[in-house]
């Protein structure tokens, strides 16, 4: 059985932050072209992976997105999110709904096991879990979308990273001037 992949798909500002100084996440641009691409990302994933903070945001929005949003992207992605198997890494969460398994032990070992089963995972956003998985060399590709905004502070994409090299796999510019770069560890 082929080994599964783990892709970290994250939005960042031009100055390298995933949220603003007060935790804001209202600055991302989602045009039709980027929305269509994010649907392709969902197709690559056998399951979604979230850290606890991103899980709280996702589970608070996607189960009822059709009630509160009229954006085409949201209406298309909400049923995909609800139906797709999900994992959430958390030391405090005991259970989660919406086809979700909580990883609360040795998360790196659990992710290794999931990948060994041939499961492709997409980790959406976050930096703490991504840093932990990067440290354990479990992320196979970094898909970083750089949005046309400077936040001037906040939470960086890479938290306390150890130096590591990457190689560019692909780069693409979307209509909204968002640039997506796909990297693999060197």
N, C-alpha and C. Protein backbone atom coordinates (compact mmCIF):
# COMPACT_ATOMS: atom_id res chain seq x y z
N UNK A 1 0.85 -1.19 0.00
CA UNK A 1 0.00 0.00 0.00
C UNK A 1 0.89 1.25 0.00
N UNK A 2 0.62 2.20 -0.91
CA UNK A 2 1.45 3.41 -0.94
C UNK A 2 1.24 4.28 0.30
N UNK A 3 2.29 4.95 0.69
CA UNK A 3 2.27 5.86 1.84
C UNK A 3 1.40 7.07 1.52
N UNK A 4 0.58 7.48 2.47
CA UNK A 4 -0.21 8.70 2.31
C UNK A 4 0.67 9.93 2.46
N UNK A 5 0.15 11.06 2.01
CA UNK A 5 0.86 12.34 2.12
C UNK A 5 0.17 13.24 3.12
N UNK A 6 0.94 14.14 3.70
CA UNK A 6 0.39 15.19 4.55
C UNK A 6 0.75 16.53 3.92
N UNK A 7 -0.27 17.30 3.58
CA UNK A 7 -0.11 18.62 2.97
C UNK A 7 -0.57 19.67 3.96
N UNK A 8 0.26 20.67 4.19
CA UNK A 8 -0.13 21.82 5.02
C UNK A 8 -0.58 22.93 4.08
N UNK A 9 -1.87 23.22 4.10
CA UNK A 9 -2.47 24.25 3.23
C UNK A 9 -2.81 25.44 4.12
N UNK A 10 -2.11 26.55 3.89
CA UNK A 10 -2.23 27.68 4.81
C UNK A 10 -2.25 29.00 4.04
N UNK A 11 -3.03 29.95 4.56
CA UNK A 11 -3.08 31.31 4.03
C UNK A 11 -2.21 32.18 4.92
N UNK A 12 -1.40 33.03 4.30
CA UNK A 12 -0.58 33.95 5.07
C UNK A 12 -0.59 35.32 4.42
N UNK A 13 -0.27 36.31 5.22
CA UNK A 13 -0.13 37.67 4.72
C UNK A 13 1.23 37.80 4.03
N UNK A 14 1.43 38.89 3.32
CA UNK A 14 2.70 39.12 2.65
C UNK A 14 3.86 39.13 3.65
N UNK A 15 3.59 39.60 4.88
CA UNK A 15 4.66 39.63 5.89
C UNK A 15 4.71 38.37 6.75
N UNK A 16 4.04 37.29 6.33
CA UNK A 16 4.25 35.97 6.92
C UNK A 16 3.38 35.59 8.10
N UNK A 17 2.23 36.24 8.28
CA UNK A 17 1.37 35.92 9.42
C UNK A 17 0.09 35.21 8.98
N UNK A 18 -0.39 34.30 9.83
CA UNK A 18 -1.63 33.59 9.53
C UNK A 18 -2.83 34.22 10.23
N UNK A 19 -2.56 35.14 11.13
CA UNK A 19 -3.62 35.93 11.76
C UNK A 19 -3.01 37.25 12.19
N UNK A 20 -3.87 38.25 12.35
CA UNK A 20 -3.41 39.57 12.72
C UNK A 20 -3.04 39.67 14.19
N UNK A 21 -2.60 40.86 14.62
CA UNK A 21 -2.17 41.06 16.01
C UNK A 21 -3.24 40.73 17.06
N UNK A 22 -4.51 40.86 16.72
CA UNK A 22 -5.60 40.53 17.64
C UNK A 22 -6.29 39.22 17.26
N UNK A 23 -5.61 38.40 16.49
CA UNK A 23 -6.17 37.12 16.07
C UNK A 23 -7.10 37.21 14.87
N UNK A 24 -7.10 38.35 14.17
CA UNK A 24 -8.01 38.54 13.04
C UNK A 24 -7.69 37.59 11.89
N UNK A 25 -8.78 37.10 11.28
CA UNK A 25 -8.66 36.28 10.09
C UNK A 25 -9.69 36.77 9.07
N UNK A 26 -9.77 38.09 8.93
CA UNK A 26 -10.76 38.71 8.04
C UNK A 26 -10.11 39.32 6.80
N UNK A 27 -8.89 38.96 6.53
CA UNK A 27 -8.10 39.61 5.50
C UNK A 27 -7.85 38.73 4.27
N UNK A 28 -8.28 37.48 4.30
CA UNK A 28 -8.03 36.60 3.16
C UNK A 28 -8.94 36.97 1.99
N UNK A 29 -8.47 36.69 0.79
CA UNK A 29 -9.21 36.97 -0.43
C UNK A 29 -9.61 35.63 -1.03
N UNK A 30 -10.89 35.46 -1.32
CA UNK A 30 -11.36 34.21 -1.92
C UNK A 30 -12.12 34.54 -3.19
N UNK A 31 -11.40 34.58 -4.31
CA UNK A 31 -12.05 34.83 -5.59
C UNK A 31 -12.51 33.50 -6.19
N UNK A 32 -13.27 33.52 -7.28
CA UNK A 32 -13.76 32.27 -7.86
C UNK A 32 -12.64 31.30 -8.26
N UNK A 33 -11.53 31.83 -8.76
CA UNK A 33 -10.43 30.97 -9.19
C UNK A 33 -9.78 30.26 -7.99
N UNK A 34 -9.52 31.00 -6.91
CA UNK A 34 -8.94 30.40 -5.71
C UNK A 34 -9.94 29.45 -5.06
N UNK A 35 -11.21 29.79 -5.10
CA UNK A 35 -12.25 28.92 -4.57
C UNK A 35 -12.26 27.58 -5.30
N UNK A 36 -12.18 27.62 -6.61
CA UNK A 36 -12.15 26.39 -7.40
C UNK A 36 -10.91 25.57 -7.05
N UNK A 37 -9.78 26.25 -6.86
CA UNK A 37 -8.56 25.54 -6.50
C UNK A 37 -8.70 24.87 -5.14
N UNK A 38 -9.33 25.55 -4.20
CA UNK A 38 -9.49 24.96 -2.86
C UNK A 38 -10.39 23.74 -2.92
N UNK A 39 -11.31 23.70 -3.87
CA UNK A 39 -12.12 22.49 -4.07
C UNK A 39 -11.23 21.34 -4.53
N UNK A 40 -10.24 21.64 -5.39
CA UNK A 40 -9.30 20.62 -5.84
C UNK A 40 -8.48 20.09 -4.66
N UNK A 41 -8.13 20.98 -3.74
CA UNK A 41 -7.39 20.57 -2.54
C UNK A 41 -8.22 19.56 -1.75
N UNK A 42 -9.51 19.82 -1.65
CA UNK A 42 -10.40 18.89 -0.94
C UNK A 42 -10.43 17.53 -1.62
N UNK A 43 -10.33 17.52 -2.95
CA UNK A 43 -10.33 16.25 -3.68
C UNK A 43 -9.06 15.44 -3.41
N UNK A 44 -7.94 16.11 -3.15
CA UNK A 44 -6.67 15.44 -2.86
C UNK A 44 -6.74 14.74 -1.50
N UNK A 45 -7.51 15.29 -0.59
CA UNK A 45 -7.56 14.80 0.79
C UNK A 45 -8.50 13.62 0.95
N UNK A 46 -8.00 12.58 1.60
CA UNK A 46 -8.88 11.51 2.08
C UNK A 46 -9.51 11.93 3.39
N UNK A 47 -8.79 12.80 4.12
CA UNK A 47 -9.27 13.30 5.42
C UNK A 47 -8.64 14.66 5.68
N UNK A 48 -9.33 15.46 6.49
CA UNK A 48 -8.82 16.76 6.91
C UNK A 48 -8.21 16.63 8.29
N UNK A 49 -7.21 17.45 8.56
CA UNK A 49 -6.54 17.49 9.85
C UNK A 49 -6.58 18.91 10.38
N UNK A 50 -6.90 19.06 11.65
CA UNK A 50 -6.96 20.37 12.29
C UNK A 50 -6.30 20.31 13.65
N UNK A 51 -5.69 21.43 14.05
CA UNK A 51 -5.32 21.61 15.44
C UNK A 51 -6.55 22.11 16.17
N UNK A 52 -6.48 22.20 17.47
CA UNK A 52 -7.65 22.55 18.28
C UNK A 52 -8.21 23.94 17.94
N UNK A 53 -7.35 24.94 17.80
CA UNK A 53 -7.83 26.31 17.54
C UNK A 53 -8.56 26.37 16.19
N UNK A 54 -7.97 25.81 15.16
CA UNK A 54 -8.61 25.81 13.84
C UNK A 54 -9.87 24.95 13.89
N UNK A 55 -9.82 23.83 14.63
CA UNK A 55 -11.01 22.99 14.77
C UNK A 55 -12.18 23.79 15.34
N UNK A 56 -11.92 24.57 16.38
CA UNK A 56 -12.99 25.37 16.98
C UNK A 56 -13.60 26.32 15.95
N UNK A 57 -12.75 26.93 15.13
CA UNK A 57 -13.24 27.84 14.10
C UNK A 57 -14.03 27.07 13.04
N UNK A 58 -13.49 25.97 12.55
CA UNK A 58 -14.15 25.19 11.50
C UNK A 58 -15.46 24.59 11.99
N UNK A 59 -15.45 23.97 13.16
CA UNK A 59 -16.65 23.30 13.66
C UNK A 59 -17.71 24.31 14.09
N UNK A 60 -17.31 25.54 14.31
CA UNK A 60 -18.28 26.58 14.63
C UNK A 60 -18.92 27.20 13.40
N UNK A 61 -18.32 26.97 12.24
CA UNK A 61 -18.82 27.60 11.03
C UNK A 61 -19.42 26.62 10.01
N UNK A 62 -18.65 25.60 9.60
CA UNK A 62 -19.07 24.76 8.47
C UNK A 62 -20.35 23.98 8.70
N UNK A 63 -20.68 23.53 9.90
CA UNK A 63 -21.94 22.80 10.06
C UNK A 63 -23.18 23.65 9.75
N UNK A 64 -23.05 24.97 9.82
CA UNK A 64 -24.21 25.83 9.57
C UNK A 64 -23.91 26.94 8.56
N UNK A 65 -22.92 26.73 7.72
CA UNK A 65 -22.48 27.75 6.77
C UNK A 65 -23.60 28.20 5.84
N UNK A 66 -24.45 27.26 5.42
CA UNK A 66 -25.53 27.64 4.50
C UNK A 66 -26.52 28.61 5.14
N UNK A 67 -26.62 28.60 6.46
CA UNK A 67 -27.53 29.51 7.17
C UNK A 67 -26.97 30.93 7.25
N UNK A 68 -25.65 31.06 7.25
CA UNK A 68 -25.05 32.37 7.52
C UNK A 68 -24.25 32.96 6.37
N UNK A 69 -24.10 32.22 5.27
CA UNK A 69 -23.29 32.72 4.17
C UNK A 69 -24.01 32.51 2.84
N UNK A 70 -23.75 33.40 1.92
CA UNK A 70 -24.26 33.25 0.56
C UNK A 70 -23.11 33.15 -0.44
N UNK A 71 -21.87 33.05 0.06
CA UNK A 71 -20.72 32.92 -0.83
C UNK A 71 -20.73 31.55 -1.48
N UNK A 72 -20.53 31.52 -2.78
CA UNK A 72 -20.55 30.27 -3.53
C UNK A 72 -19.55 29.25 -2.97
N UNK A 73 -18.34 29.72 -2.63
CA UNK A 73 -17.33 28.82 -2.06
C UNK A 73 -17.85 28.15 -0.81
N UNK A 74 -18.43 28.92 0.10
CA UNK A 74 -18.92 28.37 1.36
C UNK A 74 -20.02 27.35 1.13
N UNK A 75 -20.92 27.65 0.20
CA UNK A 75 -22.04 26.74 -0.07
C UNK A 75 -21.55 25.42 -0.67
N UNK A 76 -20.48 25.47 -1.46
CA UNK A 76 -19.92 24.24 -2.04
C UNK A 76 -19.09 23.45 -1.03
N UNK A 77 -18.33 24.17 -0.20
CA UNK A 77 -17.39 23.50 0.70
C UNK A 77 -18.07 22.94 1.96
N UNK A 78 -19.12 23.55 2.44
CA UNK A 78 -19.76 23.12 3.69
C UNK A 78 -20.13 21.63 3.69
N UNK A 79 -20.82 21.11 2.68
CA UNK A 79 -21.14 19.68 2.72
C UNK A 79 -19.90 18.79 2.60
N UNK A 80 -18.89 19.27 1.88
CA UNK A 80 -17.64 18.50 1.77
C UNK A 80 -16.99 18.40 3.14
N UNK A 81 -16.92 19.52 3.86
CA UNK A 81 -16.30 19.52 5.19
C UNK A 81 -17.06 18.59 6.13
N UNK A 82 -18.37 18.67 6.11
CA UNK A 82 -19.17 17.84 7.03
C UNK A 82 -18.99 16.35 6.74
N UNK A 83 -18.91 15.97 5.47
CA UNK A 83 -18.87 14.55 5.10
C UNK A 83 -17.48 13.93 5.17
N UNK A 84 -16.45 14.73 4.90
CA UNK A 84 -15.09 14.20 4.84
C UNK A 84 -14.64 13.76 6.24
N UNK A 85 -13.94 12.61 6.34
CA UNK A 85 -13.37 12.24 7.64
C UNK A 85 -12.40 13.32 8.10
N UNK A 86 -12.36 13.52 9.41
CA UNK A 86 -11.52 14.57 9.98
C UNK A 86 -10.79 14.04 11.21
N UNK A 87 -9.62 14.63 11.46
CA UNK A 87 -8.85 14.37 12.67
C UNK A 87 -8.60 15.72 13.30
N UNK A 88 -8.67 15.77 14.63
CA UNK A 88 -8.31 16.99 15.34
C UNK A 88 -7.32 16.60 16.44
N UNK A 89 -6.19 17.30 16.46
CA UNK A 89 -5.17 17.06 17.48
C UNK A 89 -5.44 17.99 18.65
N UNK A 90 -5.63 17.39 19.83
CA UNK A 90 -5.94 18.21 21.00
C UNK A 90 -5.60 17.45 22.28
N UNK A 91 -5.07 18.18 23.24
CA UNK A 91 -4.82 17.60 24.57
C UNK A 91 -6.04 17.74 25.47
N UNK A 92 -6.99 18.60 25.08
CA UNK A 92 -8.13 18.87 25.96
C UNK A 92 -9.47 18.39 25.42
N UNK A 93 -9.61 18.30 24.12
CA UNK A 93 -10.88 17.87 23.52
C UNK A 93 -11.02 16.36 23.68
N UNK A 94 -12.16 15.92 24.18
CA UNK A 94 -12.36 14.48 24.38
C UNK A 94 -13.09 13.82 23.22
N UNK A 95 -14.05 14.53 22.62
CA UNK A 95 -14.75 13.97 21.48
C UNK A 95 -15.17 15.10 20.55
N UNK A 96 -15.44 14.74 19.32
CA UNK A 96 -15.84 15.73 18.33
C UNK A 96 -16.86 15.10 17.39
N UNK A 97 -17.76 15.91 16.91
CA UNK A 97 -18.79 15.45 15.98
C UNK A 97 -18.31 15.57 14.54
N UNK A 98 -19.22 15.30 13.62
CA UNK A 98 -19.00 15.47 12.18
C UNK A 98 -17.89 14.56 11.65
N UNK A 99 -18.00 13.27 11.96
CA UNK A 99 -17.09 12.30 11.37
C UNK A 99 -15.63 12.60 11.73
N UNK A 100 -15.40 12.89 13.02
CA UNK A 100 -14.09 13.35 13.47
C UNK A 100 -13.52 12.45 14.56
N UNK A 101 -12.25 12.16 14.44
CA UNK A 101 -11.52 11.41 15.48
C UNK A 101 -10.54 12.34 16.16
N UNK A 102 -10.53 12.34 17.47
CA UNK A 102 -9.61 13.17 18.25
C UNK A 102 -8.30 12.42 18.45
N UNK A 103 -7.20 13.09 18.12
CA UNK A 103 -5.86 12.56 18.36
C UNK A 103 -5.32 13.24 19.61
N UNK A 104 -5.19 12.50 20.70
CA UNK A 104 -4.80 13.15 21.95
C UNK A 104 -3.55 12.57 22.58
N UNK A 105 -3.01 11.53 22.00
CA UNK A 105 -1.80 10.92 22.55
C UNK A 105 -0.57 11.46 21.88
N UNK A 106 0.24 10.55 21.40
CA UNK A 106 1.45 10.92 20.65
C UNK A 106 1.00 11.24 19.22
N UNK A 107 0.72 12.51 18.96
CA UNK A 107 0.14 12.92 17.68
C UNK A 107 1.06 12.55 16.52
N UNK A 108 2.36 12.73 16.66
CA UNK A 108 3.28 12.40 15.58
C UNK A 108 3.18 10.91 15.23
N UNK A 109 3.13 10.05 16.23
CA UNK A 109 3.02 8.61 15.99
C UNK A 109 1.68 8.28 15.34
N UNK A 110 0.62 8.94 15.79
CA UNK A 110 -0.70 8.69 15.21
C UNK A 110 -0.74 9.12 13.74
N UNK A 111 -0.12 10.26 13.42
CA UNK A 111 -0.09 10.73 12.04
C UNK A 111 0.74 9.78 11.18
N UNK A 112 1.85 9.30 11.71
CA UNK A 112 2.66 8.31 10.97
C UNK A 112 1.82 7.09 10.62
N UNK A 113 1.04 6.63 11.59
CA UNK A 113 0.19 5.46 11.39
C UNK A 113 -0.90 5.73 10.33
N UNK A 114 -1.50 6.91 10.39
CA UNK A 114 -2.54 7.27 9.42
C UNK A 114 -1.94 7.34 8.01
N UNK A 115 -0.78 7.98 7.89
CA UNK A 115 -0.12 8.05 6.58
C UNK A 115 0.28 6.67 6.08
N UNK A 116 0.75 5.81 6.99
CA UNK A 116 1.16 4.45 6.60
C UNK A 116 -0.02 3.64 6.05
N UNK A 117 -1.24 4.00 6.46
CA UNK A 117 -2.43 3.30 5.95
C UNK A 117 -2.78 3.76 4.52
N UNK A 118 -2.03 4.73 3.98
CA UNK A 118 -2.28 5.23 2.63
C UNK A 118 -3.19 6.44 2.59
N UNK A 119 -3.54 6.98 3.75
CA UNK A 119 -4.46 8.12 3.83
C UNK A 119 -3.74 9.43 3.53
N UNK A 120 -4.28 10.21 2.59
CA UNK A 120 -3.77 11.55 2.31
C UNK A 120 -4.50 12.55 3.20
N UNK A 121 -3.74 13.34 3.93
CA UNK A 121 -4.27 14.33 4.86
C UNK A 121 -3.97 15.73 4.37
N UNK A 122 -4.92 16.65 4.60
CA UNK A 122 -4.66 18.06 4.39
C UNK A 122 -4.87 18.76 5.72
N UNK A 123 -3.80 19.37 6.22
CA UNK A 123 -3.84 20.18 7.43
C UNK A 123 -4.18 21.60 7.01
N UNK A 124 -5.32 22.09 7.47
CA UNK A 124 -5.75 23.44 7.13
C UNK A 124 -5.25 24.42 8.18
N UNK A 125 -4.47 25.40 7.72
CA UNK A 125 -4.06 26.52 8.57
C UNK A 125 -3.30 26.11 9.80
N UNK A 126 -3.34 27.02 10.77
CA UNK A 126 -2.67 26.77 12.04
C UNK A 126 -1.17 26.86 11.94
N UNK A 127 -0.54 26.95 13.10
CA UNK A 127 0.92 26.97 13.13
C UNK A 127 1.48 26.06 14.20
N UNK A 128 0.81 25.89 15.30
CA UNK A 128 1.34 25.04 16.38
C UNK A 128 1.44 23.58 15.96
N UNK A 129 0.33 23.03 15.46
CA UNK A 129 0.36 21.64 15.01
C UNK A 129 1.32 21.49 13.83
N UNK A 130 1.30 22.44 12.91
CA UNK A 130 2.21 22.39 11.77
C UNK A 130 3.66 22.39 12.23
N UNK A 131 3.98 23.19 13.24
CA UNK A 131 5.35 23.23 13.76
C UNK A 131 5.74 21.88 14.35
N UNK A 132 4.83 21.27 15.10
CA UNK A 132 5.09 19.96 15.70
C UNK A 132 5.32 18.91 14.62
N UNK A 133 4.48 18.91 13.60
CA UNK A 133 4.60 17.92 12.53
C UNK A 133 5.82 18.18 11.65
N UNK A 134 6.19 19.45 11.47
CA UNK A 134 7.41 19.79 10.74
C UNK A 134 8.63 19.28 11.51
N UNK A 135 8.62 19.49 12.81
CA UNK A 135 9.73 19.02 13.66
C UNK A 135 9.93 17.51 13.52
N UNK A 136 8.84 16.78 13.35
CA UNK A 136 8.90 15.32 13.21
C UNK A 136 8.99 14.88 11.74
N UNK A 137 9.19 15.86 10.84
CA UNK A 137 9.36 15.61 9.41
C UNK A 137 8.19 14.80 8.81
N UNK A 138 6.99 15.18 9.19
CA UNK A 138 5.80 14.47 8.72
C UNK A 138 5.05 15.20 7.61
N UNK A 139 5.38 16.47 7.39
CA UNK A 139 4.70 17.23 6.34
C UNK A 139 5.44 17.01 5.03
N UNK A 140 4.69 16.53 4.04
CA UNK A 140 5.28 16.21 2.74
C UNK A 140 5.30 17.40 1.80
N UNK A 141 4.30 18.29 1.94
CA UNK A 141 4.25 19.48 1.10
C UNK A 141 3.63 20.63 1.88
N UNK A 142 4.14 21.83 1.61
CA UNK A 142 3.61 23.08 2.18
C UNK A 142 2.97 23.83 1.03
N UNK A 143 1.66 24.06 1.10
CA UNK A 143 0.94 24.83 0.10
C UNK A 143 0.59 26.16 0.75
N UNK A 144 1.36 27.19 0.44
CA UNK A 144 1.23 28.48 1.11
C UNK A 144 0.64 29.50 0.15
N UNK A 145 -0.54 30.01 0.51
CA UNK A 145 -1.14 31.07 -0.31
C UNK A 145 -0.84 32.41 0.36
N UNK A 146 -0.17 33.27 -0.39
CA UNK A 146 0.23 34.58 0.12
C UNK A 146 -0.80 35.60 -0.38
N UNK A 147 -1.47 36.24 0.57
CA UNK A 147 -2.55 37.18 0.24
C UNK A 147 -2.02 38.61 0.22
N UNK A 148 -2.62 39.46 -0.61
CA UNK A 148 -2.10 40.82 -0.81
C UNK A 148 -2.48 41.77 0.33
N UNK A 149 -1.88 41.51 1.49
CA UNK A 149 -2.09 42.36 2.66
C UNK A 149 -0.88 42.23 3.58
N UNK A 150 -0.52 43.32 4.24
CA UNK A 150 0.53 43.32 5.26
C UNK A 150 -0.18 43.55 6.59
N UNK A 151 -0.03 42.60 7.53
CA UNK A 151 -0.72 42.67 8.83
C UNK A 151 0.08 43.39 9.91
N UNK A 152 1.39 43.45 9.75
CA UNK A 152 2.21 44.18 10.72
C UNK A 152 2.39 43.47 12.05
N UNK A 153 2.07 42.20 12.11
CA UNK A 153 2.23 41.43 13.34
C UNK A 153 1.16 40.37 13.43
N UNK A 154 1.29 39.51 14.42
CA UNK A 154 0.33 38.44 14.61
C UNK A 154 1.04 37.13 14.84
N UNK A 155 0.42 36.05 14.42
CA UNK A 155 0.99 34.71 14.58
C UNK A 155 1.67 34.31 13.28
N UNK A 156 2.97 33.96 13.34
CA UNK A 156 3.67 33.58 12.11
C UNK A 156 3.27 32.19 11.63
N UNK A 157 3.47 31.95 10.35
CA UNK A 157 3.19 30.63 9.77
C UNK A 157 4.07 29.58 10.45
N UNK A 158 5.34 29.86 10.57
CA UNK A 158 6.27 28.91 11.16
C UNK A 158 6.65 29.38 12.56
N UNK A 159 6.21 28.64 13.58
CA UNK A 159 6.51 28.98 14.96
C UNK A 159 7.82 28.33 15.39
N UNK A 160 8.74 29.12 15.87
CA UNK A 160 10.03 28.63 16.37
C UNK A 160 10.62 27.52 15.51
N UNK A 161 10.76 27.78 14.21
CA UNK A 161 11.23 26.69 13.34
C UNK A 161 12.71 26.41 13.51
N UNK A 162 13.05 25.14 13.34
CA UNK A 162 14.44 24.78 13.14
C UNK A 162 14.67 25.00 11.65
N UNK A 163 15.84 25.42 11.32
CA UNK A 163 16.14 25.69 9.91
C UNK A 163 16.00 24.41 9.08
N UNK A 164 15.32 24.55 7.94
CA UNK A 164 15.22 23.44 6.99
C UNK A 164 15.04 24.01 5.59
N UNK A 165 15.53 23.28 4.61
CA UNK A 165 15.41 23.71 3.23
C UNK A 165 14.16 23.15 2.58
N UNK A 166 13.70 23.84 1.55
CA UNK A 166 12.56 23.39 0.77
C UNK A 166 12.89 23.55 -0.70
N UNK A 167 12.13 22.85 -1.53
CA UNK A 167 12.28 23.02 -2.98
C UNK A 167 10.91 23.35 -3.55
N UNK A 168 10.89 24.29 -4.46
CA UNK A 168 9.66 24.75 -5.07
C UNK A 168 9.13 23.69 -6.04
N UNK A 169 7.87 23.30 -5.86
CA UNK A 169 7.21 22.36 -6.76
C UNK A 169 6.39 23.08 -7.81
N UNK A 170 5.78 24.21 -7.41
CA UNK A 170 4.89 24.92 -8.30
C UNK A 170 4.58 26.28 -7.71
N UNK A 171 4.26 27.23 -8.56
CA UNK A 171 3.80 28.55 -8.12
C UNK A 171 2.71 29.00 -9.08
N UNK A 172 1.73 29.68 -8.53
CA UNK A 172 0.59 30.09 -9.34
C UNK A 172 0.01 31.39 -8.77
N UNK A 173 -0.40 32.28 -9.67
CA UNK A 173 -1.05 33.52 -9.25
C UNK A 173 -2.52 33.45 -9.64
N UNK A 174 -3.38 33.77 -8.69
CA UNK A 174 -4.82 33.78 -8.92
C UNK A 174 -5.27 35.20 -9.25
N UNK A 175 -6.48 35.32 -9.80
CA UNK A 175 -7.02 36.61 -10.23
C UNK A 175 -6.96 37.66 -9.13
N UNK A 176 -7.14 37.25 -7.91
CA UNK A 176 -7.18 38.18 -6.79
C UNK A 176 -5.79 38.66 -6.37
N UNK A 177 -4.77 38.21 -7.07
CA UNK A 177 -3.38 38.51 -6.78
C UNK A 177 -2.84 37.70 -5.61
N UNK A 178 -3.57 36.65 -5.24
CA UNK A 178 -3.05 35.68 -4.27
C UNK A 178 -2.06 34.80 -5.02
N UNK A 179 -0.91 34.55 -4.39
CA UNK A 179 0.10 33.69 -4.99
C UNK A 179 0.19 32.42 -4.16
N UNK A 180 0.03 31.28 -4.81
CA UNK A 180 0.15 29.99 -4.15
C UNK A 180 1.50 29.39 -4.51
N UNK A 181 2.24 29.01 -3.48
CA UNK A 181 3.52 28.35 -3.69
C UNK A 181 3.44 26.98 -3.04
N UNK A 182 3.84 25.96 -3.78
CA UNK A 182 3.87 24.59 -3.27
C UNK A 182 5.33 24.20 -3.09
N UNK A 183 5.68 23.82 -1.86
CA UNK A 183 7.04 23.43 -1.54
C UNK A 183 7.05 22.03 -0.93
N UNK A 184 8.17 21.34 -1.13
CA UNK A 184 8.43 20.07 -0.45
C UNK A 184 9.71 20.24 0.34
N UNK A 185 9.83 19.55 1.47
CA UNK A 185 11.12 19.61 2.19
C UNK A 185 12.24 19.14 1.27
N UNK A 186 13.39 19.82 1.35
CA UNK A 186 14.52 19.47 0.49
C UNK A 186 15.17 18.19 0.98
